[in-house]
Protein backbone atom coordinates (compact mmCIF):
# COMPACT_ATOMS: atom_id res chain seq x y z
CA UNK A 1 3.02 -16.21 -3.61
CA UNK A 2 5.93 -15.66 -1.26
CA UNK A 3 6.60 -12.37 0.39
CA UNK A 4 9.57 -10.75 1.93
CA UNK A 5 10.37 -7.58 3.78
CA UNK A 6 12.57 -5.05 2.10
CA UNK A 7 15.58 -4.34 4.31
CA UNK A 8 15.34 -0.72 5.36
CA UNK A 9 17.81 1.35 3.41
CA UNK A 10 20.06 3.85 5.13
CA UNK A 11 17.76 6.62 3.91
CA UNK A 12 14.71 4.82 5.26
CA UNK A 13 16.32 4.22 8.64
CA UNK A 14 17.38 7.84 8.81
CA UNK A 15 13.85 8.91 7.90
CA UNK A 16 12.22 6.72 10.54
CA UNK A 17 14.58 6.96 13.53
CA UNK A 18 13.07 7.43 16.97
CA UNK A 19 9.53 8.33 15.86
CA UNK A 20 8.24 10.02 12.73
CA UNK A 21 10.53 11.77 10.27
CA UNK A 22 9.49 13.31 7.01
CA UNK A 23 11.10 15.01 4.08
CA UNK A 24 10.46 18.71 4.34
CA UNK A 25 10.38 21.01 1.34
CA UNK A 26 10.12 24.75 1.59
CA UNK A 27 8.57 27.43 -0.62
CA UNK A 28 6.31 24.88 -2.33
CA UNK A 29 2.63 25.69 -2.67
CA UNK A 30 -0.05 23.69 -4.44
CA UNK A 31 -3.36 25.14 -5.55
CA UNK A 32 -6.55 23.68 -7.01
CA UNK A 33 -7.71 25.33 -10.23
CA UNK A 34 -11.22 24.78 -11.57
CA UNK A 35 -12.43 24.18 -15.11
CA UNK A 36 -14.87 26.73 -16.47
CA UNK A 37 -17.62 24.10 -16.55
CA UNK A 38 -18.69 21.39 -14.09
CA UNK A 39 -19.82 17.84 -14.73
CA UNK A 40 -23.26 17.56 -16.39
CA UNK A 41 -24.55 16.32 -13.02
CA UNK A 42 -23.00 15.67 -9.59
CA UNK A 43 -21.46 12.20 -9.42
CA UNK A 44 -18.70 9.99 -8.05
CA UNK A 45 -17.28 6.59 -8.94
CA UNK A 46 -16.40 7.49 -12.52
CA UNK A 47 -13.47 5.73 -14.23
CA UNK A 48 -11.11 8.21 -15.98
CA UNK A 49 -8.93 7.30 -18.98
CA UNK A 50 -6.57 9.65 -20.86
CA UNK A 51 -6.26 9.14 -24.62
CA UNK A 52 -2.71 10.53 -24.73
CA UNK A 53 -3.76 13.63 -26.66
CA UNK A 54 -6.38 16.09 -25.44
CA UNK A 55 -9.23 14.06 -23.99
CA UNK A 56 -10.07 12.44 -20.67
CA UNK A 57 -12.87 9.89 -20.96
CA UNK A 58 -15.09 9.28 -17.94
CA UNK A 59 -16.89 5.95 -17.86
CA UNK A 60 -19.94 5.36 -15.70
CA UNK A 61 -20.38 6.64 -12.17
CA UNK A 62 -22.83 6.06 -9.36
CA UNK A 63 -25.40 8.59 -10.57
CA UNK A 64 -24.90 7.99 -14.30
CA UNK A 65 -23.44 4.50 -14.33
CA UNK A 66 -23.74 3.94 -18.09
CA UNK A 67 -22.76 7.36 -19.39
CA UNK A 68 -19.50 7.92 -21.30
CA UNK A 69 -18.25 11.52 -21.14
CA UNK A 70 -15.33 13.17 -22.94
CA UNK A 71 -13.57 16.14 -21.34
CA UNK A 72 -11.31 18.22 -23.59
CA UNK A 73 -8.38 19.55 -21.59
CA UNK A 74 -7.55 22.50 -23.87
CA UNK A 75 -11.05 23.85 -24.41
CA UNK A 76 -12.44 22.72 -21.03
CA UNK A 77 -15.57 21.36 -22.66
CA UNK A 78 -17.40 18.16 -21.81
CA UNK A 79 -19.84 16.08 -23.82
CA UNK A 80 -21.52 12.70 -23.74
CA UNK A 81 -20.18 10.43 -26.48
CA UNK A 82 -21.87 7.12 -25.72
CA UNK A 83 -23.44 4.75 -23.22
CA UNK A 84 -22.18 1.52 -21.72
CA UNK A 85 -24.42 -1.51 -22.04
CA UNK A 86 -23.82 -2.29 -18.37
CA UNK A 87 -22.97 0.05 -15.55
CA UNK A 88 -19.53 0.92 -14.21
CA UNK A 89 -19.27 2.60 -10.81
CA UNK A 90 -15.86 1.31 -9.73
CA UNK A 91 -14.09 4.65 -9.67
CA UNK A 92 -10.48 5.54 -10.33
CA UNK A 93 -9.24 2.39 -12.03
CA UNK A 94 -12.35 0.68 -13.33
CA UNK A 95 -11.18 1.24 -16.92
CA UNK A 96 -8.03 1.11 -19.04
CA UNK A 97 -6.93 1.90 -22.61
CA UNK A 98 -4.95 -0.43 -24.88
CA UNK A 99 -2.23 0.36 -27.43
CA UNK A 100 -4.84 0.68 -30.19
CA UNK A 101 -6.73 3.39 -28.33
CA UNK A 102 -9.68 1.18 -27.39
CA UNK A 103 -11.04 1.78 -23.87
CA UNK A 104 -12.15 -1.12 -21.68
CA UNK A 105 -14.57 -1.06 -18.77
CA UNK A 106 -13.24 -3.88 -16.61
CA UNK A 107 -15.28 -5.29 -13.78
CA UNK A 108 -18.55 -3.42 -14.27
CA UNK A 109 -20.41 -2.02 -11.29
CA UNK A 110 -22.54 -2.90 -8.33
CA UNK A 111 -25.84 -2.08 -10.02
CA UNK A 112 -25.98 -4.26 -13.13
CA UNK A 113 -22.47 -4.91 -14.35
CA UNK A 114 -20.57 -6.92 -11.74
CA UNK A 115 -17.76 -8.85 -13.40
CA UNK A 116 -18.58 -7.63 -16.91
CA UNK A 117 -16.06 -6.37 -19.47
CA UNK A 118 -17.03 -3.97 -22.27
CA UNK A 119 -15.02 -1.89 -24.73
CA UNK A 120 -15.50 1.53 -26.27
CA UNK A 121 -13.82 2.68 -29.48
CA UNK A 122 -13.44 6.49 -29.31
CA UNK A 123 -12.60 6.72 -33.01
CA UNK A 124 -16.06 5.44 -33.90
CA UNK A 125 -17.97 6.10 -30.66
CA UNK A 126 -18.95 2.42 -30.65
CA UNK A 127 -19.59 0.42 -27.47
CA UNK A 128 -19.09 -3.33 -27.76
CA UNK A 129 -21.46 -5.96 -26.53
CA UNK A 130 -20.45 -7.64 -23.31
CA UNK A 131 -17.05 -9.13 -24.16
CA UNK A 132 -16.85 -11.53 -21.27
CA UNK A 133 -17.55 -12.05 -17.62
CA UNK A 134 -14.59 -12.10 -15.25
CA UNK A 135 -14.15 -15.27 -13.20
CA UNK A 136 -15.11 -13.43 -10.01
CA UNK A 137 -16.26 -10.09 -8.62
CA UNK A 138 -13.46 -7.49 -8.40
CA UNK A 139 -15.54 -4.60 -7.03
CA UNK A 140 -13.03 -4.04 -4.20
CA UNK A 141 -9.93 -4.70 -6.30
CA UNK A 142 -7.48 -2.49 -8.12
CA UNK A 143 -6.45 -2.55 -11.77
CA UNK A 144 -2.82 -1.91 -12.71
CA UNK A 145 -2.07 -1.35 -16.44
CA UNK A 146 1.23 -3.01 -17.33
CA UNK A 147 4.03 -1.72 -19.55
CA UNK A 148 2.92 -1.69 -23.16
CA UNK A 149 -0.67 -0.92 -22.27
CA UNK A 150 -2.33 -4.14 -23.44
CA UNK A 151 -2.53 -6.09 -20.19
CA UNK A 152 -4.08 -5.18 -16.87
CA UNK A 153 -3.20 -6.83 -13.58
CA UNK A 154 -6.08 -6.97 -11.10
CA UNK A 155 -5.40 -7.50 -7.40
CA UNK A 156 -8.13 -8.04 -4.84
CA UNK A 157 -11.69 -9.25 -4.98
CA UNK A 158 -15.17 -8.24 -3.87
CA UNK A 159 -16.60 -5.79 -1.35
CA UNK A 160 -18.15 -8.81 0.34
CA UNK A 161 -14.64 -10.02 1.18
CA UNK A 162 -14.25 -12.83 -1.34
CA UNK A 163 -11.07 -13.46 -3.38
CA UNK A 164 -9.20 -10.58 -1.75
CA UNK A 165 -5.92 -12.49 -2.05
CA UNK A 166 -6.36 -13.39 -5.74
CA UNK A 167 -4.53 -12.05 -8.80
CA UNK A 168 -6.15 -11.79 -12.22
CA UNK A 169 -4.70 -10.81 -15.61
CA UNK A 170 -6.85 -9.27 -18.35
CA UNK A 171 -5.51 -9.06 -21.90
CA UNK A 172 -7.10 -6.17 -23.85
CA UNK A 173 -5.92 -7.51 -27.21
CA UNK A 174 -7.03 -11.11 -26.74
CA UNK A 175 -10.01 -9.87 -24.72
CA UNK A 176 -9.62 -12.65 -22.18
CA UNK A 177 -9.02 -13.04 -18.45
CA UNK A 178 -6.69 -15.46 -16.70
CA UNK A 179 -6.63 -16.26 -12.99
CA UNK A 180 -3.03 -16.62 -11.84
CA UNK A 181 -3.65 -19.64 -9.67
CA UNK A 182 -0.05 -19.87 -8.52
CA UNK A 183 -0.17 -16.36 -7.04
CA UNK A 184 -1.70 -15.53 -3.67
CA UNK A 185 -1.40 -12.15 -1.99
CA UNK A 186 -0.12 -12.28 1.60
CA UNK A 187 -2.20 -9.23 2.55
CA UNK A 188 -5.94 -9.19 1.97
CA UNK A 189 -7.30 -5.67 1.45
CA UNK A 190 -10.76 -4.22 0.88
CA UNK A 191 -11.10 -1.27 -1.50
CA UNK A 192 -7.42 -1.27 -2.36
CA UNK A 193 -6.10 1.24 -4.85
CA UNK A 194 -2.77 1.08 -6.67
CA UNK A 195 -0.60 2.92 -9.16
CA UNK A 196 2.42 1.83 -11.15
CA UNK A 197 5.84 3.43 -10.95
CA UNK A 198 8.31 1.73 -13.29
CA UNK A 199 8.15 -2.02 -12.83
CA UNK A 200 6.60 -1.80 -9.37
CA UNK A 201 3.21 -0.87 -8.01
CA UNK A 202 2.31 0.28 -4.52
CA UNK A 203 -1.04 -1.02 -3.33
CA UNK A 204 -2.77 0.98 -0.59
CA UNK A 205 -5.94 -0.06 1.19
CA UNK A 206 -7.65 -1.43 4.28
CA UNK A 207 -5.78 -4.48 5.60
CA UNK A 208 -8.02 -7.27 6.81
CA UNK A 209 -5.64 -7.76 9.74
CA UNK A 210 -4.53 -4.98 12.06
CA UNK A 211 -1.07 -6.52 12.11
CA UNK A 212 -0.61 -5.93 8.39
CA UNK A 213 0.72 -2.67 6.93
CA UNK A 214 -1.68 -0.47 4.90
CA UNK A 215 0.46 -0.90 1.79
CA UNK A 216 2.58 -3.42 -0.03
CA UNK A 217 4.81 -3.41 -3.10
CA UNK A 218 4.11 -5.62 -6.10
CA UNK A 219 6.95 -6.41 -8.49
CA UNK A 220 5.26 -6.35 -11.90
CA UNK A 221 7.98 -8.46 -13.55
CA UNK A 222 7.94 -11.36 -11.11
CA UNK A 223 4.60 -10.68 -9.35
CA UNK A 224 6.45 -11.07 -6.08
CA UNK A 225 4.97 -9.19 -3.15
CA UNK A 226 7.35 -7.22 -1.00
CA UNK A 227 6.39 -5.86 2.39
CA UNK A 228 7.58 -2.47 3.63
CA UNK A 229 10.20 -2.30 6.38
CA UNK A 230 8.92 -3.43 9.76
CA UNK A 231 9.23 0.09 11.14
CA UNK A 232 7.21 1.59 8.30
CA UNK A 233 4.62 4.03 9.67
CA UNK A 234 1.78 5.28 7.49
CA UNK A 235 -1.48 6.96 8.50
CA UNK A 236 -4.43 4.64 8.79
CA UNK A 237 -6.78 4.79 5.81
CA UNK A 238 -10.42 4.82 6.86
CA UNK A 239 -12.02 5.66 3.51
CA UNK A 240 -11.28 4.84 -0.12
CA UNK A 241 -8.27 6.80 -1.47
CA UNK A 242 -7.23 7.75 -4.96
CA UNK A 243 -3.62 6.76 -5.68
CA UNK A 244 -1.79 8.61 -8.44
CA UNK A 245 1.81 8.27 -9.62
CA UNK A 246 3.76 10.97 -11.47
CA UNK A 247 6.71 8.68 -12.17
CA UNK A 248 8.61 9.76 -9.04
CA UNK A 249 6.19 9.82 -6.13
CA UNK A 250 2.75 8.56 -5.23
CA UNK A 251 0.00 11.01 -4.31
CA UNK A 252 -3.02 10.00 -2.23
CA UNK A 253 -6.20 12.05 -2.44
CA UNK A 254 -8.98 11.17 -0.02
CA UNK A 255 -8.94 8.12 2.21
CA UNK A 256 -8.91 10.04 5.48
CA UNK A 257 -11.75 11.24 7.66
CA UNK A 258 -12.28 13.76 10.45
CA UNK A 259 -15.39 12.12 11.86
CA UNK A 260 -14.97 11.45 15.57
CA UNK A 261 -15.74 7.73 15.39
CA UNK A 262 -12.96 6.95 12.90
CA UNK A 263 -10.71 9.96 12.77
CA UNK A 264 -7.55 9.77 10.69
CA UNK A 265 -4.03 10.87 11.46
CA UNK A 266 -3.83 13.51 8.74
CA UNK A 267 -5.91 16.53 7.72
CA UNK A 268 -8.35 16.23 4.86
CA UNK A 269 -7.92 19.48 2.91
CA UNK A 270 -4.93 18.48 0.83
CA UNK A 271 -2.96 15.52 -0.52
CA UNK A 272 -0.34 13.16 0.84
CA UNK A 273 2.89 12.66 -1.07
CA UNK A 274 4.63 9.31 -0.59
CA UNK A 275 8.23 8.65 -1.62
CA UNK A 276 8.78 4.96 -2.45
CA UNK A 277 12.56 5.29 -2.21
CA UNK A 278 12.72 5.87 1.53
CA UNK A 279 9.09 5.31 2.55
CA UNK A 280 8.72 8.88 3.79
CA UNK A 281 5.54 10.89 3.35
CA UNK A 282 4.24 14.36 4.01
CA UNK A 283 0.89 16.09 3.93
CA UNK A 284 0.57 19.04 1.56
CA UNK A 285 -2.25 21.47 2.10
CA UNK A 286 -3.78 22.59 -1.21
CA UNK A 287 -5.05 26.13 -1.58
CA UNK A 288 -8.55 26.50 -3.03
CA UNK A 289 -9.20 22.80 -2.29
CA UNK A 290 -12.81 21.71 -2.94
CA UNK A 291 -13.38 20.81 0.71
CA UNK A 292 -12.43 22.58 3.92
CA UNK A 293 -10.67 21.25 6.99
CA UNK A 294 -13.98 20.36 8.68
CA UNK A 295 -15.01 18.19 5.71
CA UNK A 296 -13.64 15.05 4.11
CA UNK A 297 -14.09 13.05 0.93
CA UNK A 298 -16.27 10.10 1.87
CA UNK A 299 -15.97 9.04 -1.76
CA UNK A 300 -12.99 10.66 -3.48
CA UNK A 301 -13.09 12.40 -6.83
CA UNK A 302 -12.06 10.32 -9.84
CA UNK A 303 -8.48 11.42 -10.47
CA UNK A 304 -5.87 10.89 -13.17
CA UNK A 305 -2.34 12.18 -13.79
CA UNK A 306 -1.61 13.91 -17.11
CA UNK A 307 2.15 13.69 -17.60
CA UNK A 308 2.61 16.27 -20.35
CA UNK A 309 0.98 18.94 -18.16
CA UNK A 310 2.27 17.59 -14.82
CA UNK A 311 -1.26 17.88 -13.45
CA UNK A 312 -3.68 15.73 -11.50
CA UNK A 313 -7.21 16.16 -12.88
CA UNK A 314 -10.16 15.31 -10.62
CA UNK A 315 -13.88 14.91 -11.25
CA UNK A 316 -16.79 14.90 -8.83
CA UNK A 317 -16.65 13.01 -5.54
CA UNK A 318 -18.78 13.00 -2.40
CA UNK A 319 -17.90 15.04 0.67
CA UNK A 320 -19.19 15.01 4.22
CA UNK A 321 -19.18 17.50 7.08
CA UNK A 322 -17.88 16.01 10.33
CA UNK A 323 -20.80 17.57 12.21
CA UNK A 324 -23.30 15.72 9.95
CA UNK A 325 -21.62 12.36 9.31
CA UNK A 326 -24.78 10.69 8.01
CA UNK A 327 -25.29 13.17 5.18
CA UNK A 328 -23.10 14.04 2.24
CA UNK A 329 -22.86 16.24 -0.81
CA UNK A 330 -22.25 14.72 -4.22
CA UNK A 331 -20.05 17.11 -6.16
CA UNK A 332 -19.82 18.24 -9.79
CA UNK A 333 -16.40 19.92 -9.63
CA UNK A 334 -13.80 19.53 -12.39
CA UNK A 335 -10.43 20.71 -11.14
CA UNK A 336 -6.70 20.09 -11.32
CA UNK A 337 -3.55 20.45 -9.24
CA UNK A 338 -0.35 21.50 -11.00
CA UNK A 339 2.52 19.54 -9.43
CA UNK A 340 5.26 21.75 -10.92
CA UNK A 341 5.93 23.57 -7.60
CA UNK A 342 6.97 20.23 -6.12
CA UNK A 343 9.91 19.80 -8.49
CA UNK A 344 12.96 19.76 -6.20
CA UNK A 345 15.22 22.79 -6.29
CA UNK A 346 17.45 21.63 -3.46
CA UNK A 347 18.15 18.45 -1.55
CA UNK A 348 15.44 17.73 1.04
CA UNK A 349 16.24 17.66 4.72
CA UNK A 350 14.75 15.66 7.57
CA UNK A 351 13.78 16.75 11.04
CA UNK A 352 13.08 14.72 14.16
CA UNK A 353 10.30 15.75 16.52
CA UNK A 354 10.05 14.79 20.18
CA UNK A 355 7.02 12.61 21.03
CA UNK A 356 5.56 15.36 23.20
CA UNK A 357 6.36 18.34 21.00
CA UNK A 358 5.35 19.68 17.63
CA UNK A 359 6.66 22.82 16.00
CA UNK A 360 4.90 24.94 13.37
CA UNK A 361 7.84 27.31 13.17
CA UNK A 362 8.92 28.28 9.65
CA UNK A 363 6.20 26.23 7.94
CA UNK A 364 4.20 28.96 6.13
CA UNK A 365 4.01 27.13 2.81
CA UNK A 366 1.48 24.40 3.51
CA UNK A 367 4.00 21.55 3.85
CA UNK A 368 3.70 20.32 7.40
CA UNK A 369 5.47 17.71 9.40
CA UNK A 370 2.90 15.55 11.17
CA UNK A 371 3.34 14.04 14.61
CA UNK A 372 0.56 11.78 15.78
CA UNK A 373 -2.63 13.89 15.69
CA UNK A 374 -1.16 17.38 15.86
CA UNK A 375 -1.26 19.66 12.83
CA UNK A 376 -0.16 23.12 11.86
CA UNK A 377 -2.39 25.34 9.75
CA UNK A 378 -1.91 28.77 8.29
């Protein structure tokens, strides 16, 4: 697979001149709201799927790796509706739904389901036998549902570092997998996560080489990989993120740490919004966020965007306190962020900061410009 750099647009050059420049929005506040019930038990690594109506299905998890849960958005109730034959603990995009409403667990889990594919029919609450085994382990890969909903593109390979540059296609109608042998990714990533926006997907993760950027663009029509502009600056991911698209921007939840031995360049008590048009990003502090500034998500909550409500729903996760990095708390929270306050009411502006200066002036709304490791908090 060939790759090429995207020539920086005028907007991108303007946004990245001199040092770090970010779009700044004012009077925009995000807040986490909690469901009236939690998960049946604390967990992380669940795979969420929305049925297009009222229900979010949660497949597997680390603590309950075979359980299938159904969360009703309107009534805020949750119930177990089945069990997988093999575990699934692959998190955000370990599952997908086809055009017939059948849900697929793709890739299994690290306990007993590596490489396995199963299906679940919500209309009958029936779990299939093992449909097939994938050609290789994709435990560190990312699944990208394609337009139409019946095919899933899988980039990346195993946590052990094998097949990280491979591309796999799974057809949920034919129930078969195909290795795209003529496609090789120029950037090998561990624990990459991706989301689709139109006919492109941004893939974020841990590059195997420090010279590689932490993200690349995949054209879903041609499967051509495009690299960001050479002057693209993005905060180093040190933990697994969740990547969500609302059709305009990407939102990253988790992926950053405040532990002293691998501290990130952004705070942890909020989300990062990334604009694929000009490669700008900004951190948005979220009120009532499940974790505080001295904590971080070591394993992020399983998150999914619900378009008709303009909300990101999140389930569980595992957090750590920077003062006790070897211990963590597995969470049972069910919560959402309404993205409506982020709808633009005026054209954004950009501001340049000097390398040795950082201003918190007139930033009372939780949207902060970030310069190196300096932050502004309310």
